[in-house]
């Protein structure tokens, strides 16, 4: 049995066989890795009492976090 909605037939759009375009990831994976390593290094060095290493690791975490936020706002979809 064929059912009809009584309206116009919907138009079909051709389906592409190719996969959708993948966005280039750029520096994001490296920035995430730097953030995680810097945070871990900061925790270990602060616990062990290495103040200067902790300060450097904290600055590295701050810089990579800032770069991730800037990258997000620069490349977000509108």
PDB file of N, CA and C in Angstrom:
ATOM      1  N   UNK A   1       0.819  -1.166   0.000  1.00  0.00           N
ATOM      2  CA  UNK A   1       0.000   0.000   0.000  1.00  0.00           C
ATOM      3  C   UNK A   1       0.871   1.241   0.000  1.00  0.00           C
ATOM      4  N   UNK A   2       0.483   2.253  -0.724  1.00  0.00           N
ATOM      5  CA  UNK A   2       1.218   3.503  -0.777  1.00  0.00           C
ATOM      6  C   UNK A   2       0.398   4.591  -0.108  1.00  0.00           C
ATOM      7  N   UNK A   3       1.019   5.272   0.809  1.00  0.00           N
ATOM      8  CA  UNK A   3       0.347   6.359   1.508  1.00  0.00           C
ATOM      9  C   UNK A   3       0.829   7.684   0.943  1.00  0.00           C
ATOM     10  N   UNK A   4      -0.055   8.630   0.828  1.00  0.00           N
ATOM     11  CA  UNK A   4       0.289   9.944   0.315  1.00  0.00           C
ATOM     12  C   UNK A   4      -0.111  10.985   1.343  1.00  0.00           C
ATOM     13  N   UNK A   5       0.766  11.952   1.550  1.00  0.00           N
ATOM     14  CA  UNK A   5       0.460  13.017   2.500  1.00  0.00           C
ATOM     15  C   UNK A   5      -0.415  14.081   1.874  1.00  0.00           C
ATOM     16  N   UNK A   6      -0.615  14.017   0.584  1.00  0.00           N
ATOM     17  CA  UNK A   6      -1.458  14.978  -0.093  1.00  0.00           C
ATOM     18  C   UNK A   6      -0.724  16.244  -0.494  1.00  0.00           C
ATOM     19  N   UNK A   7       0.493  16.434  -0.046  1.00  0.00           N
ATOM     20  CA  UNK A   7       1.257  17.631  -0.369  1.00  0.00           C
ATOM     21  C   UNK A   7       2.240  17.371  -1.483  1.00  0.00           C
ATOM     22  N   UNK A   8       3.093  18.310  -1.690  1.00  0.00           N
ATOM     23  CA  UNK A   8       4.117  18.178  -2.719  1.00  0.00           C
ATOM     24  C   UNK A   8       5.141  17.138  -2.280  1.00  0.00           C
ATOM     25  N   UNK A   9       5.690  16.475  -3.253  1.00  0.00           N
ATOM     26  CA  UNK A   9       6.716  15.483  -2.978  1.00  0.00           C
ATOM     27  C   UNK A   9       7.975  16.185  -2.478  1.00  0.00           C
ATOM     28  N   UNK A  10       8.598  15.668  -1.451  1.00  0.00           N
ATOM     29  CA  UNK A  10       9.836  16.303  -0.970  1.00  0.00           C
ATOM     30  C   UNK A  10      10.943  16.134  -1.992  1.00  0.00           C
ATOM     31  N   UNK A  11      11.748  17.138  -2.111  1.00  0.00           N
ATOM     32  CA  UNK A  11      12.888  17.057  -3.016  1.00  0.00           C
ATOM     33  C   UNK A  11      14.044  16.413  -2.287  1.00  0.00           C
ATOM     34  N   UNK A  12      14.744  15.576  -2.974  1.00  0.00           N
ATOM     35  CA  UNK A  12      15.887  14.918  -2.359  1.00  0.00           C
ATOM     36  C   UNK A  12      17.165  15.594  -2.814  1.00  0.00           C
ATOM     37  N   UNK A  13      18.087  15.694  -1.904  1.00  0.00           N
ATOM     38  CA  UNK A  13      19.387  16.261  -2.234  1.00  0.00           C
ATOM     39  C   UNK A  13      20.358  15.115  -2.443  1.00  0.00           C
ATOM     40  N   UNK A  14      21.259  15.250  -3.386  1.00  0.00           N
ATOM     41  CA  UNK A  14      22.213  14.166  -3.624  1.00  0.00           C
ATOM     42  C   UNK A  14      23.110  13.954  -2.413  1.00  0.00           C
ATOM     43  N   UNK A  15      23.365  12.714  -2.089  1.00  0.00           N
ATOM     44  CA  UNK A  15      24.211  12.370  -0.960  1.00  0.00           C
ATOM     45  C   UNK A  15      25.616  12.118  -1.463  1.00  0.00           C
ATOM     46  N   UNK A  16      26.562  12.783  -0.839  1.00  0.00           N
ATOM     47  CA  UNK A  16      27.951  12.632  -1.235  1.00  0.00           C
ATOM     48  C   UNK A  16      28.523  11.362  -0.605  1.00  0.00           C
ATOM     49  N   UNK A  17      29.304  10.645  -1.370  1.00  0.00           N
ATOM     50  CA  UNK A  17      29.911   9.417  -0.867  1.00  0.00           C
ATOM     51  C   UNK A  17      31.179   9.696  -0.073  1.00  0.00           C
ATOM     52  N   UNK A  18      31.692  10.908  -0.185  1.00  0.00           N
ATOM     53  CA  UNK A  18      32.929  11.219   0.528  1.00  0.00           C
ATOM     54  C   UNK A  18      32.610  11.579   1.981  1.00  0.00           C
ATOM     55  N   UNK A  19      33.531  11.283   2.891  1.00  0.00           N
ATOM     56  CA  UNK A  19      33.302  11.604   4.312  1.00  0.00           C
ATOM     57  C   UNK A  19      33.323  13.108   4.520  1.00  0.00           C
ATOM     58  N   UNK A  20      32.713  13.582   5.590  1.00  0.00           N
ATOM     59  CA  UNK A  20      32.731  15.026   5.857  1.00  0.00           C
ATOM     60  C   UNK A  20      34.150  15.508   6.107  1.00  0.00           C
ATOM     61  N   UNK A  21      34.351  16.763   5.815  1.00  0.00           N
ATOM     62  CA  UNK A  21      35.686  17.343   5.974  1.00  0.00           C
ATOM     63  C   UNK A  21      36.056  17.381   7.458  1.00  0.00           C
ATOM     64  N   UNK A  22      37.269  16.997   7.746  1.00  0.00           N
ATOM     65  CA  UNK A  22      37.766  17.004   9.118  1.00  0.00           C
ATOM     66  C   UNK A  22      38.550  18.287   9.319  1.00  0.00           C
ATOM     67  N   UNK A  23      38.228  18.986  10.401  1.00  0.00           N
ATOM     68  CA  UNK A  23      38.942  20.217  10.688  1.00  0.00           C
ATOM     69  C   UNK A  23      40.361  19.898  11.148  1.00  0.00           C
ATOM     70  N   UNK A  24      41.255  20.721  10.735  1.00  0.00           N
ATOM     71  CA  UNK A  24      42.641  20.553  11.181  1.00  0.00           C
ATOM     72  C   UNK A  24      42.728  20.871  12.668  1.00  0.00           C
ATOM     73  N   UNK A  25      43.379  20.010  13.406  1.00  0.00           N
ATOM     74  CA  UNK A  25      43.432  20.195  14.850  1.00  0.00           C
ATOM     75  C   UNK A  25      44.444  21.262  15.255  1.00  0.00           C
ATOM     76  N   UNK A  26      45.473  21.442  14.480  1.00  0.00           N
ATOM     77  CA  UNK A  26      46.454  22.468  14.785  1.00  0.00           C
ATOM     78  C   UNK A  26      47.228  22.167  16.058  1.00  0.00           C
ATOM     79  N   UNK A  27      47.477  23.191  16.868  1.00  0.00           N
ATOM     80  CA  UNK A  27      48.318  23.015  18.062  1.00  0.00           C
ATOM     81  C   UNK A  27      47.565  22.518  19.293  1.00  0.00           C
ATOM     82  N   UNK A  28      46.265  22.270  19.184  1.00  0.00           N
ATOM     83  CA  UNK A  28      45.483  21.937  20.376  1.00  0.00           C
ATOM     84  C   UNK A  28      45.962  20.690  21.112  1.00  0.00           C
ATOM     85  N   UNK A  29      46.226  19.572  20.425  1.00  0.00           N
ATOM     86  CA  UNK A  29      46.699  18.396  21.185  1.00  0.00           C
ATOM     87  C   UNK A  29      48.010  18.656  21.923  1.00  0.00           C
ATOM     88  N   UNK A  30      48.905  19.391  21.300  1.00  0.00           N
ATOM     89  CA  UNK A  30      50.182  19.710  21.945  1.00  0.00           C
ATOM     90  C   UNK A  30      49.969  20.635  23.147  1.00  0.00           C
ATOM     91  N   UNK A  31      49.052  21.588  23.012  1.00  0.00           N
ATOM     92  CA  UNK A  31      48.764  22.482  24.137  1.00  0.00           C
ATOM     93  C   UNK A  31      48.124  21.731  25.300  1.00  0.00           C
ATOM     94  N   UNK A  32      47.227  20.782  24.994  1.00  0.00           N
ATOM     95  CA  UNK A  32      46.621  19.980  26.064  1.00  0.00           C
ATOM     96  C   UNK A  32      47.675  19.133  26.764  1.00  0.00           C
ATOM     97  N   UNK A  33      48.573  18.543  25.983  1.00  0.00           N
ATOM     98  CA  UNK A  33      49.642  17.734  26.565  1.00  0.00           C
ATOM     99  C   UNK A  33      50.540  18.588  27.449  1.00  0.00           C
ATOM    100  N   UNK A  34      50.894  19.759  26.972  1.00  0.00           N
ATOM    101  CA  UNK A  34      51.723  20.672  27.756  1.00  0.00           C
ATOM    102  C   UNK A  34      51.014  21.089  29.044  1.00  0.00           C
ATOM    103  N   UNK A  35      49.719  21.327  28.967  1.00  0.00           N
ATOM    104  CA  UNK A  35      48.956  21.713  30.153  1.00  0.00           C
ATOM    105  C   UNK A  35      48.947  20.598  31.197  1.00  0.00           C
ATOM    106  N   UNK A  36      48.678  19.372  30.768  1.00  0.00           N
ATOM    107  CA  UNK A  36      48.617  18.246  31.708  1.00  0.00           C
ATOM    108  C   UNK A  36      49.990  17.968  32.319  1.00  0.00           C
ATOM    109  N   UNK A  37      51.026  17.981  31.505  1.00  0.00           N
ATOM    110  CA  UNK A  37      52.382  17.719  32.009  1.00  0.00           C
ATOM    111  C   UNK A  37      52.818  18.838  32.959  1.00  0.00           C
ATOM    112  N   UNK A  38      52.505  20.072  32.608  1.00  0.00           N
ATOM    113  CA  UNK A  38      52.877  21.195  33.480  1.00  0.00           C
ATOM    114  C   UNK A  38      52.158  21.128  34.817  1.00  0.00           C
ATOM    115  N   UNK A  39      50.870  20.778  34.789  1.00  0.00           N
ATOM    116  CA  UNK A  39      50.129  20.658  36.047  1.00  0.00           C
ATOM    117  C   UNK A  39      50.677  19.525  36.918  1.00  0.00           C
ATOM    118  N   UNK A  40      50.982  18.389  36.285  1.00  0.00           N
ATOM    119  CA  UNK A  40      51.540  17.271  37.050  1.00  0.00           C
ATOM    120  C   UNK A  40      52.906  17.627  37.626  1.00  0.00           C
ATOM    121  N   UNK A  41      53.720  18.286  36.829  1.00  0.00           N
ATOM    122  CA  UNK A  41      55.041  18.701  37.296  1.00  0.00           C
ATOM    123  C   UNK A  41      54.916  19.728  38.419  1.00  0.00           C
ATOM    124  N   UNK A  42      53.928  20.602  38.323  1.00  0.00           N
ATOM    125  CA  UNK A  42      53.701  21.598  39.357  1.00  0.00           C
ATOM    126  C   UNK A  42      53.299  20.940  40.670  1.00  0.00           C
ATOM    127  N   UNK A  43      52.426  19.956  40.612  1.00  0.00           N
ATOM    128  CA  UNK A  43      51.991  19.260  41.826  1.00  0.00           C
ATOM    129  C   UNK A  43      53.166  18.534  42.481  1.00  0.00           C
ATOM    130  N   UNK A  44      53.935  17.808  41.674  1.00  0.00           N
ATOM    131  CA  UNK A  44      55.057  17.034  42.213  1.00  0.00           C
ATOM    132  C   UNK A  44      56.126  17.953  42.792  1.00  0.00           C
ATOM    133  N   UNK A  45      56.465  18.998  42.059  1.00  0.00           N
ATOM    134  CA  UNK A  45      57.537  19.876  42.533  1.00  0.00           C
ATOM    135  C   UNK A  45      57.102  20.685  43.754  1.00  0.00           C
ATOM    136  N   UNK A  46      55.850  21.065  43.831  1.00  0.00           N
ATOM    137  CA  UNK A  46      55.379  21.796  45.009  1.00  0.00           C
ATOM    138  C   UNK A  46      55.336  20.895  46.237  1.00  0.00           C
ATOM    139  N   UNK A  47      54.974  19.642  46.033  1.00  0.00           N
ATOM    140  CA  UNK A  47      54.934  18.693  47.139  1.00  0.00           C
ATOM    141  C   UNK A  47      56.344  18.378  47.634  1.00  0.00           C
ATOM    142  N   UNK A  48      57.284  18.272  46.709  1.00  0.00           N
ATOM    143  CA  UNK A  48      58.659  17.933  47.074  1.00  0.00           C
ATOM    144  C   UNK A  48      59.446  19.136  47.598  1.00  0.00           C
ATOM    145  N   UNK A  49      58.897  20.334  47.432  1.00  0.00           N
ATOM    146  CA  UNK A  49      59.583  21.515  47.958  1.00  0.00           C
ATOM    147  C   UNK A  49      60.499  22.213  46.972  1.00  0.00           C
ATOM    148  N   UNK A  50      60.419  21.883  45.701  1.00  0.00           N
ATOM    149  CA  UNK A  50      61.233  22.556  44.675  1.00  0.00           C
ATOM    150  C   UNK A  50      60.466  23.775  44.175  1.00  0.00           C
ATOM    151  N   UNK A  51      60.663  24.895  44.836  1.00  0.00           N
ATOM    152  CA  UNK A  51      59.866  26.084  44.574  1.00  0.00           C
ATOM    153  C   UNK A  51      60.049  26.618  43.157  1.00  0.00           C
ATOM    154  N   UNK A  52      61.291  26.735  42.720  1.00  0.00           N
ATOM    155  CA  UNK A  52      61.538  27.324  41.403  1.00  0.00           C
ATOM    156  C   UNK A  52      61.017  26.457  40.280  1.00  0.00           C
ATOM    157  N   UNK A  53      61.119  25.148  40.421  1.00  0.00           N
ATOM    158  CA  UNK A  53      60.570  24.256  39.401  1.00  0.00           C
ATOM    159  C   UNK A  53      59.049  24.343  39.389  1.00  0.00           C
ATOM    160  N   UNK A  54      58.459  24.486  40.575  1.00  0.00           N
ATOM    161  CA  UNK A  54      57.007  24.638  40.670  1.00  0.00           C
ATOM    162  C   UNK A  54      56.517  25.927  40.034  1.00  0.00           C
ATOM    163  N   UNK A  55      57.276  26.995  40.222  1.00  0.00           N
ATOM    164  CA  UNK A  55      56.913  28.277  39.606  1.00  0.00           C
ATOM    165  C   UNK A  55      56.988  28.175  38.086  1.00  0.00           C
ATOM    166  N   UNK A  56      58.040  27.556  37.584  1.00  0.00           N
ATOM    167  CA  UNK A  56      58.182  27.385  36.128  1.00  0.00           C
ATOM    168  C   UNK A  56      57.080  26.517  35.545  1.00  0.00           C
ATOM    169  N   UNK A  57      56.753  25.437  36.245  1.00  0.00           N
ATOM    170  CA  UNK A  57      55.690  24.559  35.764  1.00  0.00           C
ATOM    171  C   UNK A  57      54.338  25.265  35.828  1.00  0.00           C
ATOM    172  N   UNK A  58      54.127  26.061  36.865  1.00  0.00           N
ATOM    173  CA  UNK A  58      52.886  26.820  36.967  1.00  0.00           C
ATOM    174  C   UNK A  58      52.752  27.848  35.858  1.00  0.00           C
ATOM    175  N   UNK A  59      53.851  28.505  35.525  1.00  0.00           N
ATOM    176  CA  UNK A  59      53.823  29.468  34.416  1.00  0.00           C
ATOM    177  C   UNK A  59      53.581  28.765  33.082  1.00  0.00           C
ATOM    178  N   UNK A  60      54.159  27.568  32.937  1.00  0.00           N
ATOM    179  CA  UNK A  60      53.898  26.793  31.710  1.00  0.00           C
ATOM    180  C   UNK A  60      52.439  26.386  31.600  1.00  0.00           C
ATOM    181  N   UNK A  61      51.840  25.989  32.717  1.00  0.00           N
ATOM    182  CA  UNK A  61      50.420  25.623  32.719  1.00  0.00           C
ATOM    183  C   UNK A  61      49.555  26.847  32.423  1.00  0.00           C
ATOM    184  N   UNK A  62      49.913  27.973  32.999  1.00  0.00           N
ATOM    185  CA  UNK A  62      49.163  29.198  32.757  1.00  0.00           C
ATOM    186  C   UNK A  62      49.255  29.617  31.285  1.00  0.00           C
ATOM    187  N   UNK A  63      50.439  29.510  30.714  1.00  0.00           N
ATOM    188  CA  UNK A  63      50.631  29.891  29.309  1.00  0.00           C
ATOM    189  C   UNK A  63      49.869  28.962  28.365  1.00  0.00           C
ATOM    190  N   UNK A  64      49.932  27.655  28.620  1.00  0.00           N
ATOM    191  CA  UNK A  64      49.231  26.729  27.728  1.00  0.00           C
ATOM    192  C   UNK A  64      47.715  26.843  27.887  1.00  0.00           C
ATOM    193  N   UNK A  65      47.245  27.086  29.099  1.00  0.00           N
ATOM    194  CA  UNK A  65      45.816  27.306  29.301  1.00  0.00           C
ATOM    195  C   UNK A  65      45.332  28.560  28.594  1.00  0.00           C
ATOM    196  N   UNK A  66      46.112  29.621  28.683  1.00  0.00           N
ATOM    197  CA  UNK A  66      45.776  30.861  27.989  1.00  0.00           C
ATOM    198  C   UNK A  66      45.766  30.668  26.483  1.00  0.00           C
ATOM    199  N   UNK A  67      46.745  29.928  25.965  1.00  0.00           N
ATOM    200  CA  UNK A  67      46.794  29.659  24.531  1.00  0.00           C
ATOM    201  C   UNK A  67      45.608  28.808  24.081  1.00  0.00           C
ATOM    202  N   UNK A  68      45.168  27.854  24.905  1.00  0.00           N
ATOM    203  CA  UNK A  68      43.996  27.045  24.562  1.00  0.00           C
ATOM    204  C   UNK A  68      42.736  27.906  24.516  1.00  0.00           C
ATOM    205  N   UNK A  69      42.583  28.809  25.457  1.00  0.00           N
ATOM    206  CA  UNK A  69      41.414  29.694  25.467  1.00  0.00           C
ATOM    207  C   UNK A  69      41.443  30.621  24.252  1.00  0.00           C
ATOM    208  N   UNK A  70      42.598  31.186  23.950  1.00  0.00           N
ATOM    209  CA  UNK A  70      42.716  32.074  22.789  1.00  0.00           C
ATOM    210  C   UNK A  70      42.422  31.314  21.493  1.00  0.00           C
ATOM    211  N   UNK A  71      42.923  30.087  21.398  1.00  0.00           N
ATOM    212  CA  UNK A  71      42.672  29.276  20.203  1.00  0.00           C
ATOM    213  C   UNK A  71      41.188  28.957  20.074  1.00  0.00           C
ATOM    214  N   UNK A  72      40.535  28.686  21.197  1.00  0.00           N
ATOM    215  CA  UNK A  72      39.104  28.379  21.174  1.00  0.00           C
ATOM    216  C   UNK A  72      38.301  29.575  20.651  1.00  0.00           C
ATOM    217  N   UNK A  73      38.556  30.748  21.175  1.00  0.00           N
ATOM    218  CA  UNK A  73      37.803  31.928  20.746  1.00  0.00           C
ATOM    219  C   UNK A  73      38.137  32.341  19.325  1.00  0.00           C
ATOM    220  N   UNK A  74      39.358  32.091  18.883  1.00  0.00           N
ATOM    221  CA  UNK A  74      39.752  32.450  17.532  1.00  0.00           C
ATOM    222  C   UNK A  74      39.141  31.535  16.479  1.00  0.00           C
ATOM    223  N   UNK A  75      38.925  30.255  16.834  1.00  0.00           N
ATOM    224  CA  UNK A  75      38.446  29.281  15.843  1.00  0.00           C
ATOM    225  C   UNK A  75      37.049  28.759  16.115  1.00  0.00           C
ATOM    226  N   UNK A  76      36.284  29.415  16.949  1.00  0.00           N
ATOM    227  CA  UNK A  76      34.930  28.910  17.223  1.00  0.00           C
ATOM    228  C   UNK A  76      34.024  29.199  16.041  1.00  0.00           C
ATOM    229  N   UNK A  77      32.998  28.379  15.930  1.00  0.00           N
ATOM    230  CA  UNK A  77      32.029  28.552  14.847  1.00  0.00           C
ATOM    231  C   UNK A  77      31.040  29.619  15.240  1.00  0.00           C
ATOM    232  N   UNK A  78      30.645  30.428  14.258  1.00  0.00           N
ATOM    233  CA  UNK A  78      29.672  31.477  14.581  1.00  0.00           C
ATOM    234  C   UNK A  78      28.292  31.116  14.132  1.00  0.00           C
TER     235      UNK A  78
END
